[in-house]
Protein backbone atom coordinates (compact mmCIF):
# COMPACT_ATOMS: atom_id res chain seq x y z
CA MET A 1 0.00 -0.01 0.01
CA PRO A 2 1.43 3.42 -0.97
CA SER A 3 2.07 6.11 1.58
CA VAL A 4 0.15 9.37 1.40
CA TYR A 5 3.46 11.16 2.05
CA LYS A 6 6.19 11.74 -0.48
CA ASN A 7 8.95 11.07 2.06
CA LEU A 8 9.50 10.89 5.82
CA ASP A 9 10.34 14.60 6.11
CA CYS A 10 7.04 15.39 4.59
CA GLN A 11 5.24 13.09 7.03
CA ARG A 12 6.99 14.78 9.94
CA MET A 13 6.06 18.27 8.68
CA VAL A 14 2.37 17.40 8.18
CA ARG A 15 2.08 15.64 11.55
CA ASP A 16 3.90 18.42 13.41
CA ARG A 17 1.52 20.96 11.98
CA CYS A 18 -1.46 18.98 13.08
CA VAL A 19 -0.13 18.54 16.65
CA ARG A 20 0.66 22.27 16.91
CA ARG A 21 -2.87 23.24 15.80
CA LEU A 22 -4.47 20.79 18.24
CA ASP A 23 -2.18 21.91 21.06
CA ALA A 24 -3.27 25.50 20.51
CA TRP A 25 -6.97 24.70 20.49
CA ASP A 26 -8.68 26.21 23.43
CA ALA A 27 -11.64 23.78 23.42
CA PRO A 28 -11.22 21.03 26.13
CA HIS A 29 -10.61 17.80 24.32
CA GLU A 30 -8.88 14.43 24.65
CA ARG A 31 -6.57 13.02 22.03
CA GLY A 32 -5.77 9.35 21.66
CA GLU A 33 -4.89 6.59 19.18
CA ILE A 34 -6.55 3.28 18.61
CA SER A 35 -5.44 0.21 16.62
CA THR A 36 -7.64 -0.71 13.66
CA VAL A 37 -7.56 -2.86 10.55
CA ALA A 38 -6.25 0.18 8.71
CA GLY A 39 -3.46 0.79 11.24
CA PRO A 40 -3.17 3.40 13.98
CA THR A 41 -6.07 5.84 14.00
CA SER A 42 -6.04 9.23 15.69
CA VAL A 43 -9.07 10.08 17.74
CA VAL A 44 -10.18 13.47 19.17
CA ALA A 45 -13.09 13.47 21.59
CA LEU A 46 -14.83 16.44 23.12
CA GLY A 47 -18.15 17.65 24.39
CA PRO A 48 -20.39 16.39 27.11
CA ALA A 49 -20.11 12.81 28.34
CA PRO A 50 -22.12 10.39 26.27
CA THR A 51 -25.56 9.48 27.52
CA ARG A 52 -28.23 6.83 26.78
CA ALA A 53 -30.68 9.54 25.81
CA GLU A 54 -28.86 10.72 22.69
CA PRO A 55 -26.37 9.28 20.29
CA SER A 56 -22.77 10.41 20.06
CA ILE A 57 -21.53 12.18 16.92
CA ALA A 58 -18.73 10.75 14.81
CA LEU A 59 -17.17 13.31 12.36
CA VAL A 60 -15.37 11.75 9.33
CA PRO A 61 -13.53 14.48 7.39
CA GLY A 62 -13.04 14.58 3.62
CA THR A 63 -10.06 14.31 1.39
CA ASN A 64 -6.86 15.98 2.72
CA MET A 65 -8.73 17.01 5.94
CA ASN A 66 -8.50 15.83 9.51
CA ALA A 67 -9.39 16.75 13.11
CA ALA A 68 -6.85 19.59 13.23
CA LEU A 69 -8.58 21.20 10.20
CA SER A 70 -12.02 20.62 11.59
CA LEU A 71 -11.86 22.55 14.83
CA GLU A 72 -14.79 24.89 14.15
CA ILE A 73 -17.30 22.27 13.16
CA ALA A 74 -16.09 19.87 15.88
CA GLY A 75 -16.54 22.60 18.46
CA SER A 76 -20.03 23.48 17.19
CA LEU A 77 -21.12 19.83 17.44
CA ALA A 78 -19.58 19.38 20.83
CA ARG A 79 -21.57 22.19 22.31
CA ARG A 80 -24.57 19.87 21.91
CA TRP A 81 -23.32 16.29 21.84
CA HIS A 82 -20.49 14.00 22.69
CA THR A 83 -18.34 14.23 19.58
CA VAL A 84 -15.50 12.12 18.21
CA VAL A 85 -13.41 13.17 15.22
CA PHE A 86 -11.33 10.56 13.32
CA ASP A 87 -8.31 11.23 11.14
CA VAL A 88 -8.89 9.04 8.15
CA PRO A 89 -6.10 6.64 7.49
CA GLY A 90 -4.34 7.19 4.20
CA GLN A 91 -5.08 10.98 4.37
CA PRO A 92 -2.76 13.69 5.69
CA GLY A 93 -2.97 13.80 9.46
CA LEU A 94 -2.16 11.76 12.50
CA SER A 95 -3.47 8.35 11.53
CA ALA A 96 -1.73 5.63 9.49
CA ASP A 97 -0.25 6.90 6.23
CA ARG A 98 -1.20 4.06 3.88
CA ARG A 99 -4.31 3.10 1.83
CA PRO A 100 -4.91 0.25 -0.57
CA ARG A 101 -4.86 0.61 -4.31
CA ARG A 102 -8.00 -1.47 -4.74
CA GLY A 103 -11.04 -2.20 -2.67
CA ARG A 104 -10.56 1.10 -0.90
CA THR A 105 -14.27 1.79 -0.23
CA GLN A 106 -15.02 -1.48 1.51
CA TRP A 107 -11.67 -1.15 3.45
CA TYR A 108 -12.68 2.22 4.68
CA GLY A 109 -16.12 0.97 5.72
CA GLU A 110 -14.59 -1.82 7.77
CA TRP A 111 -12.19 0.69 9.32
CA LEU A 112 -14.98 3.03 10.44
CA ALA A 113 -16.99 0.15 11.89
CA GLU A 114 -14.04 -0.90 13.97
CA ALA A 115 -13.14 2.64 15.00
CA LEU A 116 -16.66 3.29 16.22
CA GLU A 117 -16.77 0.06 18.15
CA ARG A 118 -13.45 0.87 19.89
CA THR A 119 -14.29 4.51 20.76
CA ILE A 120 -17.99 4.94 21.29
CA ARG A 121 -20.45 2.93 23.36
CA GLY A 122 -24.01 3.03 22.10
CA PRO A 123 -25.59 4.56 19.01
CA VAL A 124 -23.87 7.04 16.70
CA VAL A 125 -24.80 9.61 14.15
CA VAL A 126 -22.07 9.94 11.55
CA VAL A 127 -21.39 13.23 9.91
CA GLY A 128 -19.35 12.63 6.79
CA HIS A 129 -18.06 15.31 4.40
CA SER A 130 -16.92 14.54 0.84
CA LEU A 131 -14.75 11.34 1.07
CA GLY A 132 -16.08 11.04 4.68
CA GLY A 133 -19.56 10.82 3.30
CA ALA A 134 -18.67 7.88 1.08
CA ILE A 135 -17.05 6.19 4.04
CA ALA A 136 -20.18 6.70 6.10
CA LEU A 137 -22.22 5.17 3.37
CA SER A 138 -19.96 2.22 3.01
CA CYS A 139 -19.90 1.42 6.72
CA PRO A 140 -22.27 -1.40 7.81
CA SER A 141 -21.88 -0.77 11.58
CA PRO A 142 -25.08 -1.50 13.52
CA GLN A 143 -24.03 1.35 15.88
CA ILE A 144 -24.92 3.90 13.23
CA THR A 145 -28.51 5.06 13.66
CA GLY A 146 -28.24 8.08 11.44
CA ARG A 147 -26.13 9.74 8.84
CA VAL A 148 -25.58 13.44 7.90
CA LEU A 149 -23.84 13.39 4.52
CA VAL A 150 -22.42 16.72 3.45
CA SER A 151 -21.34 17.09 -0.19
CA PRO A 152 -20.77 13.31 -0.09
CA ALA A 153 -18.78 11.35 -2.55
CA GLY A 154 -20.13 7.89 -3.34
CA LEU A 155 -23.46 8.83 -4.88
CA ALA A 156 -22.35 10.48 -8.11
CA ARG A 157 -19.18 11.21 -9.97
CA LEU A 158 -17.65 14.56 -9.03
CA ALA A 159 -17.73 17.26 -11.64
CA VAL A 160 -14.46 18.81 -12.68
CA THR A 161 -14.89 21.98 -14.72
CA PRO A 162 -12.21 23.33 -17.01
CA SER A 163 -11.61 26.26 -14.62
CA VAL A 164 -11.05 23.89 -11.67
CA LEU A 165 -8.77 21.76 -13.75
CA ALA A 166 -6.80 24.82 -14.83
CA ALA A 167 -6.37 25.78 -11.14
CA THR A 168 -5.54 22.25 -9.96
CA VAL A 169 -2.70 21.33 -12.34
CA PRO A 170 -0.40 24.32 -11.40
CA TRP A 171 -1.23 23.80 -7.78
CA LEU A 172 -0.04 20.20 -7.92
CA ALA A 173 2.92 20.89 -10.21
CA ARG A 174 4.39 23.85 -8.21
CA PRO A 175 2.36 24.74 -5.27
CA THR A 176 2.42 28.26 -3.84
CA THR A 177 0.02 30.07 -1.54
CA THR A 178 -1.29 32.08 -4.50
CA ARG A 179 -2.02 28.96 -6.53
CA THR A 180 -3.63 27.28 -3.53
CA ARG A 181 -5.87 30.25 -2.87
CA ARG A 182 -6.88 30.34 -6.55
CA LEU A 183 -7.98 26.67 -6.34
CA LEU A 184 -9.77 27.07 -3.00
CA ARG A 185 -11.76 30.01 -4.27
CA HIS A 186 -13.58 27.55 -6.47
CA MET A 187 -14.60 25.59 -3.37
CA VAL A 188 -16.37 28.43 -1.51
CA ALA A 189 -19.47 30.38 -2.23
CA PRO A 190 -19.06 33.65 -4.16
CA GLY A 191 -17.94 36.50 -1.88
CA HIS A 192 -16.52 34.19 0.81
CA GLN A 193 -12.90 34.51 1.86
CA VAL A 194 -10.61 31.51 1.93
CA PRO A 195 -9.12 31.17 5.50
CA ASP A 196 -5.39 31.69 5.63
CA GLU A 197 -4.95 28.53 7.70
CA LEU A 198 -6.63 26.40 5.05
CA THR A 199 -4.51 28.05 2.28
CA GLU A 200 -1.32 27.26 4.19
CA TRP A 201 -2.46 23.73 4.96
CA MET A 202 -3.35 22.89 1.31
CA THR A 203 -0.08 24.29 0.11
CA LEU A 204 1.74 22.02 2.47
CA VAL A 205 -0.47 19.03 1.34
CA ALA A 206 0.45 19.71 -2.35
CA ARG A 207 4.13 19.84 -1.52
CA CYS A 208 4.25 16.85 0.77
CA CYS A 209 1.36 14.49 -0.11
CA ARG A 210 -0.04 12.30 -2.78
CA SER A 211 -3.67 13.37 -2.91
CA SER A 212 -6.19 10.59 -3.47
CA LEU A 213 -8.88 10.78 -6.11
CA ALA A 214 -12.60 10.85 -5.26
CA PRO A 215 -14.10 7.37 -4.99
CA MET A 216 -16.50 6.08 -7.68
CA PRO A 217 -20.24 5.84 -6.85
CA LEU A 218 -20.79 2.95 -4.38
CA PRO A 219 -22.44 -0.31 -5.51
CA PRO A 220 -26.21 -0.25 -5.75
CA GLU A 221 -26.55 -3.00 -3.12
CA THR A 222 -24.43 -1.01 -0.61
CA LEU A 223 -26.60 2.11 -1.07
CA ALA A 224 -29.82 -0.02 -0.97
CA ALA A 225 -28.82 -1.21 2.45
CA ARG A 226 -28.50 2.34 3.75
CA ARG A 227 -32.10 3.14 2.98
CA THR A 228 -33.06 1.62 6.34
CA SER A 229 -31.26 4.27 8.44
CA THR A 230 -32.23 7.88 9.01
CA THR A 231 -30.15 9.88 6.51
CA LEU A 232 -29.89 13.48 5.30
CA VAL A 233 -27.85 14.53 2.33
CA ALA A 234 -26.86 18.19 1.83
CA THR A 235 -24.71 20.13 -0.58
CA GLY A 236 -23.81 23.81 -1.02
CA ARG A 237 -25.70 25.70 -3.59
CA HIS A 238 -22.36 26.67 -5.12
CA ASP A 239 -20.63 23.33 -4.71
CA VAL A 240 -18.36 23.10 -7.74
CA PHE A 241 -17.80 19.35 -7.45
CA LEU A 242 -21.33 18.14 -6.39
CA PRO A 243 -23.74 20.88 -7.41
CA PRO A 244 -27.45 20.34 -6.62
CA ASN A 245 -28.34 19.40 -10.20
CA ARG A 246 -25.79 16.61 -10.11
CA ILE A 247 -26.13 15.04 -6.71
CA GLY A 248 -29.84 15.73 -6.26
CA PRO A 249 -31.02 13.14 -8.80
CA ALA A 250 -28.43 10.63 -7.56
CA THR A 251 -29.65 11.08 -4.01
CA ARG A 252 -33.24 10.47 -4.95
CA HIS A 253 -32.43 7.49 -7.18
CA ARG A 254 -29.89 5.82 -4.91
CA LEU A 255 -31.19 6.57 -1.43
CA GLY A 256 -34.78 7.43 -2.05
CA ILE A 257 -34.61 10.83 -0.29
CA GLY A 258 -34.50 14.47 -1.24
CA LEU A 259 -31.48 16.75 -1.19
CA ARG A 260 -31.00 19.70 1.14
CA VAL A 261 -29.42 22.71 -0.58
CA LEU A 262 -27.48 25.08 1.68
CA ASP A 263 -27.40 28.65 0.50
CA GLY A 264 -24.23 30.67 0.89
CA ALA A 265 -22.03 27.57 0.68
CA GLY A 266 -19.74 25.81 -1.73
CA HIS A 267 -17.96 22.50 -1.31
CA LEU A 268 -16.43 23.50 2.03
CA VAL A 269 -19.73 23.44 3.85
CA LEU A 270 -18.21 22.50 7.19
CA ASP A 271 -16.19 25.70 7.24
CA GLU A 272 -18.81 27.96 5.61
CA GLN A 273 -21.98 26.79 7.31
CA PRO A 274 -21.21 24.89 10.56
CA GLY A 275 -24.50 26.03 12.12
CA ALA A 276 -26.46 24.54 9.25
CA VAL A 277 -24.62 21.23 9.73
CA VAL A 278 -25.53 21.29 13.47
CA ASP A 279 -29.19 21.86 12.49
CA LEU A 280 -29.15 18.87 10.18
CA VAL A 281 -27.66 16.68 12.98
CA ASP A 282 -30.33 17.88 15.30
CA GLU A 283 -32.99 17.03 12.78
CA VAL A 284 -31.66 13.50 12.33
CA ILE A 285 -31.46 12.92 16.08
CA GLY A 286 -35.04 14.20 16.45
CA ALA A 287 -36.22 11.68 13.90
CA LEU A 288 -34.63 8.62 15.54
């Protein structure tokens, strides 16, 4: 299995940046590591103690993201519920650095089921963004009683417009903060500013990591099995990769539910509309 990092120095730089950001976080939290089928998995837990009255929340970030880049949404969720954030193995962060070349979706589903079993007692609502959404859909864990899928992969192929491709190729070939910011502007709603922290992070990712491609749509039988759980699917009105007219029909056809469209958001919904994501989680929990 190939490493996400180009070399050991790159791995050290990425991990050091994540640790520094988590160390500086003022929200009370606990950090740990568990052993899973996918290797060591970093876990960040925060919020009130879990109770039998409500499920815990498991946040699964998307491609190139992790707990250290999810502080705002994690903090917003933790103000209401016990929340656990996983660094996805094979993505830049504090978990194992390797991912398989084939069978990746099933592998991730098995990983998440094991990670949930080892960290959370009782029911769970999984919040998955982008790649994290596909992982949430692929996971057969009986602990999952609900899913909030935000701009999720796994339902439809991602759109890649010529303008996005024109911004991506230079970013990968010779990353600079200017090129990174140009790419990230495509991922936020018009008029929104790209956070400096995210720009610096994605520049580091391009210099140090081998970014993974978005997964293909999941098999029909996998998606049919998810129709039995309470699920909400949302995307930003300005999502460049999964616009409403692309993911909406796939959501209806594959999961039998409608799509929620979030105004004032692009693909980076967790950063742009954390309050809206909390509202979606609240709705799912209320329907359980």
